[in-house]
């Protein structure tokens, strides 16, 4: 066998090796993409559970404590009678808005609720208006909320709240 024939055979074998390597890499990329998709779905599920747990946590006192349920009711009716009740109701409002801002942040990253709710739904959530229409809620929103929440979040709350108030 001459050297030219041997070189040509080597090139053919090398070409098959390159094709086999490309095929292997294609399969590996496909598997990696499937695993990444599974990981993203797990993350979305975990975020959904965390948001739900936070929401439940925000309302847990209302559900489990008759004393706080009365404070909550009185707060919604603008009938809080002492400073402790005002603090409790303000902290409830703060907790509720913290959950809402978390949900909005996650939704903006397209990590959650893409099929269920959009960001406008979150900003237009009826409980927001119910809380902000209370004396304590309005005061909290103007005085305390800017210290804790982003300006963008608060501006969107204002926009949707005003839309509801005027409708």
Foldseek 3Di string as FASTA:
>chain_A
DDPVVVVVVVVVVVVVVVVVVVVVVVVVVVVVVVVVVVVLVVQLVVLVVVLVVLQCVLCVCCVPPPVLVVLCVCQLVLNDDDDVSLVSLLVSLVSNVVSLVSVLVCQVVVSYCPPPDHNLCSLLPVVLLSQCVGPSNVCCLVPPCVVPDDPVSSVSNVVNNVVVVVD
